Amino acid sequence: MATSTTPATIIALQQLLSEADWPLRTPSVTLGLPRQPEREMVIIGNVTGSQEWAALGNSRRDEDYTIDLYVFVLWPGYTAVEAMSRAYELWAVVEDTVRSNLAAGGAGVLWNEIARPAGDVTAEDEGFAYQISSGIRVRARI
């Protein structure tokens, strides 16, 4: 019996996002920061959460956890507004993919939701970067 649904959910999330229908071009989808950052990335980050014994079933447990998720765009020579617009264009694909598919793809996932999205713009030597930081809250049963 699995000790957590987290690994299966992360694998399903990475696969779903890698196969998503992205506008213009497909961003890099990684677990953790890559050694060489790319111009457009979707980064699956840390996981925090808890487990409790479930009411029914031998050794059954309920899990609540959040998977950190980041969308990063760095467009050399473009404005902050253009970088932000592209980041939210990618973010829309993330939202649609997670909301419609993750519970079906992750073993034991009962429900999930997008939590606390926030955006941040930075000026870089090459242009502007925009990052959307969020989390995917997951409720699962083992």
Protein backbone atom coordinates (compact mmCIF):
# COMPACT_ATOMS: atom_id res chain seq x y z
CA MET A 1 0.00 0.00 0.00
CA ALA A 2 1.25 3.48 -0.85
CA THR A 3 2.39 5.74 1.97
CA SER A 4 1.37 8.88 0.08
CA THR A 5 -0.42 9.91 -3.11
CA THR A 6 2.02 12.79 -3.56
CA PRO A 7 4.50 11.09 -5.95
CA ALA A 8 1.73 9.75 -8.22
CA THR A 9 0.01 13.14 -8.25
CA ILE A 10 3.23 14.99 -9.14
CA ILE A 11 3.97 12.50 -11.93
CA ALA A 12 0.42 12.92 -13.26
CA LEU A 13 0.69 16.72 -13.01
CA GLN A 14 3.99 16.82 -14.89
CA GLN A 15 2.63 14.53 -17.60
CA LEU A 16 -0.61 16.47 -17.98
CA LEU A 17 1.20 19.81 -18.25
CA SER A 18 3.83 18.42 -20.64
CA GLU A 19 1.06 17.20 -22.96
CA ALA A 20 -1.17 20.28 -22.64
CA ASP A 21 -2.18 22.35 -25.66
CA TRP A 22 0.00 25.46 -25.21
CA PRO A 23 -0.46 28.61 -27.32
CA LEU A 24 2.47 29.61 -29.60
CA ARG A 25 5.08 27.26 -28.10
CA THR A 26 5.40 24.72 -25.30
CA PRO A 27 7.16 25.92 -22.14
CA SER A 28 9.60 23.73 -20.28
CA VAL A 29 7.75 21.74 -17.57
CA THR A 30 10.11 20.68 -14.77
CA LEU A 31 10.13 19.26 -11.28
CA GLY A 32 12.24 21.81 -9.43
CA LEU A 33 14.45 24.46 -10.96
CA PRO A 34 16.36 23.34 -14.04
CA ARG A 35 20.14 23.83 -14.25
CA GLN A 36 19.67 26.09 -17.25
CA PRO A 37 16.59 28.32 -16.94
CA GLU A 38 14.60 28.74 -20.13
CA ARG A 39 12.58 31.68 -21.43
CA GLU A 40 9.27 30.04 -20.51
CA MET A 41 8.92 27.52 -17.73
CA VAL A 42 6.29 25.80 -15.62
CA ILE A 43 7.99 24.65 -12.44
CA ILE A 44 6.53 22.08 -10.04
CA GLY A 45 7.97 22.92 -6.64
CA ASN A 46 7.85 21.88 -3.02
CA VAL A 47 5.05 19.98 -1.32
CA THR A 48 3.67 20.71 2.15
CA GLY A 49 0.81 18.96 3.88
CA SER A 50 -0.50 16.49 6.39
CA GLN A 51 -2.06 13.02 6.79
CA GLU A 52 -4.83 11.83 9.10
CA TRP A 53 -6.42 8.43 9.63
CA ALA A 54 -9.51 8.03 7.49
CA ALA A 55 -12.84 7.11 9.07
CA LEU A 56 -13.42 3.93 7.05
CA GLY A 57 -11.03 1.17 6.00
CA ASN A 58 -8.05 -0.66 7.40
CA SER A 59 -4.98 1.63 7.44
CA ARG A 60 -6.79 4.23 5.27
CA ARG A 61 -5.54 7.78 5.46
CA ASP A 62 -6.66 11.17 4.18
CA GLU A 63 -4.07 13.55 2.83
CA ASP A 64 -4.19 17.31 2.43
CA TYR A 65 -1.24 18.90 0.68
CA THR A 66 -0.22 21.79 -1.52
CA ILE A 67 2.11 21.46 -4.50
CA ASP A 68 3.86 24.77 -5.23
CA LEU A 69 3.63 25.75 -8.88
CA TYR A 70 5.33 28.56 -10.80
CA VAL A 71 4.94 29.96 -14.30
CA PHE A 72 7.97 31.96 -15.37
CA VAL A 73 8.41 34.07 -18.51
CA LEU A 74 11.52 36.04 -19.53
CA TRP A 75 11.17 37.74 -22.89
CA PRO A 76 14.28 39.67 -23.92
CA GLY A 77 13.50 43.00 -25.57
CA TYR A 78 9.84 42.99 -24.56
CA THR A 79 7.96 45.17 -22.09
CA ALA A 80 6.78 44.16 -18.62
CA VAL A 81 3.18 44.15 -19.89
CA GLU A 82 4.07 41.77 -22.73
CA ALA A 83 5.90 39.40 -20.34
CA MET A 84 2.94 39.52 -17.93
CA SER A 85 0.44 38.87 -20.72
CA ARG A 86 2.37 35.80 -21.87
CA ALA A 87 2.67 34.50 -18.29
CA TYR A 88 -1.10 34.73 -17.81
CA GLU A 89 -1.67 33.10 -21.20
CA LEU A 90 0.38 30.12 -19.96
CA TRP A 91 -1.31 30.27 -16.56
CA ALA A 92 -4.73 29.87 -18.21
CA VAL A 93 -3.56 26.55 -19.68
CA VAL A 94 -2.27 25.45 -16.26
CA GLU A 95 -5.61 26.29 -14.63
CA ASP A 96 -7.68 24.53 -17.28
CA THR A 97 -5.45 21.45 -17.23
CA VAL A 98 -5.38 21.12 -13.44
CA ARG A 99 -9.08 21.78 -12.93
CA SER A 100 -10.26 19.37 -15.60
CA ASN A 101 -7.75 16.52 -15.35
CA LEU A 102 -5.71 16.20 -12.16
CA ALA A 103 -8.29 14.37 -10.04
CA ALA A 104 -8.68 11.83 -12.84
CA GLY A 105 -4.91 11.48 -13.34
CA GLY A 106 -3.66 11.36 -9.75
CA ALA A 107 -4.14 8.09 -7.89
CA GLY A 108 -6.49 8.60 -4.96
CA VAL A 109 -7.05 12.32 -5.58
CA LEU A 110 -10.54 13.27 -4.41
CA TRP A 111 -10.40 16.96 -5.40
CA ASN A 112 -7.96 19.75 -6.13
CA GLU A 113 -8.06 23.51 -6.43
CA ILE A 114 -5.79 26.37 -7.42
CA ALA A 115 -4.62 28.26 -4.34
CA ARG A 116 -3.31 31.76 -3.86
CA PRO A 117 -2.03 32.81 -7.33
CA ALA A 118 0.19 35.89 -7.21
CA GLY A 119 2.22 37.68 -9.88
CA ASP A 120 5.59 39.40 -9.71
CA VAL A 121 7.43 41.43 -12.37
CA THR A 122 11.19 41.99 -12.38
CA ALA A 123 13.51 43.99 -14.63
CA GLU A 124 16.33 41.84 -16.02
CA ASP A 125 19.40 42.81 -18.06
CA GLU A 126 17.77 41.34 -21.15
CA GLY A 127 14.22 42.59 -20.64
CA PHE A 128 11.40 41.89 -18.22
CA ALA A 129 10.44 38.71 -16.43
CA TYR A 130 7.10 37.81 -14.92
CA GLN A 131 6.44 34.99 -12.49
CA ILE A 132 3.13 33.64 -11.27
CA SER A 133 3.46 31.75 -7.99
CA SER A 134 0.66 29.51 -6.82
CA GLY A 135 -0.17 26.20 -5.31
CA ILE A 136 -2.39 23.28 -6.10
CA ARG A 137 -4.29 22.16 -3.03
CA VAL A 138 -5.02 18.45 -3.09
CA ARG A 139 -7.28 16.23 -0.98
CA ALA A 140 -6.59 12.52 -1.43
CA ARG A 141 -7.35 9.15 0.15
CA ILE A 142 -4.88 6.33 0.51
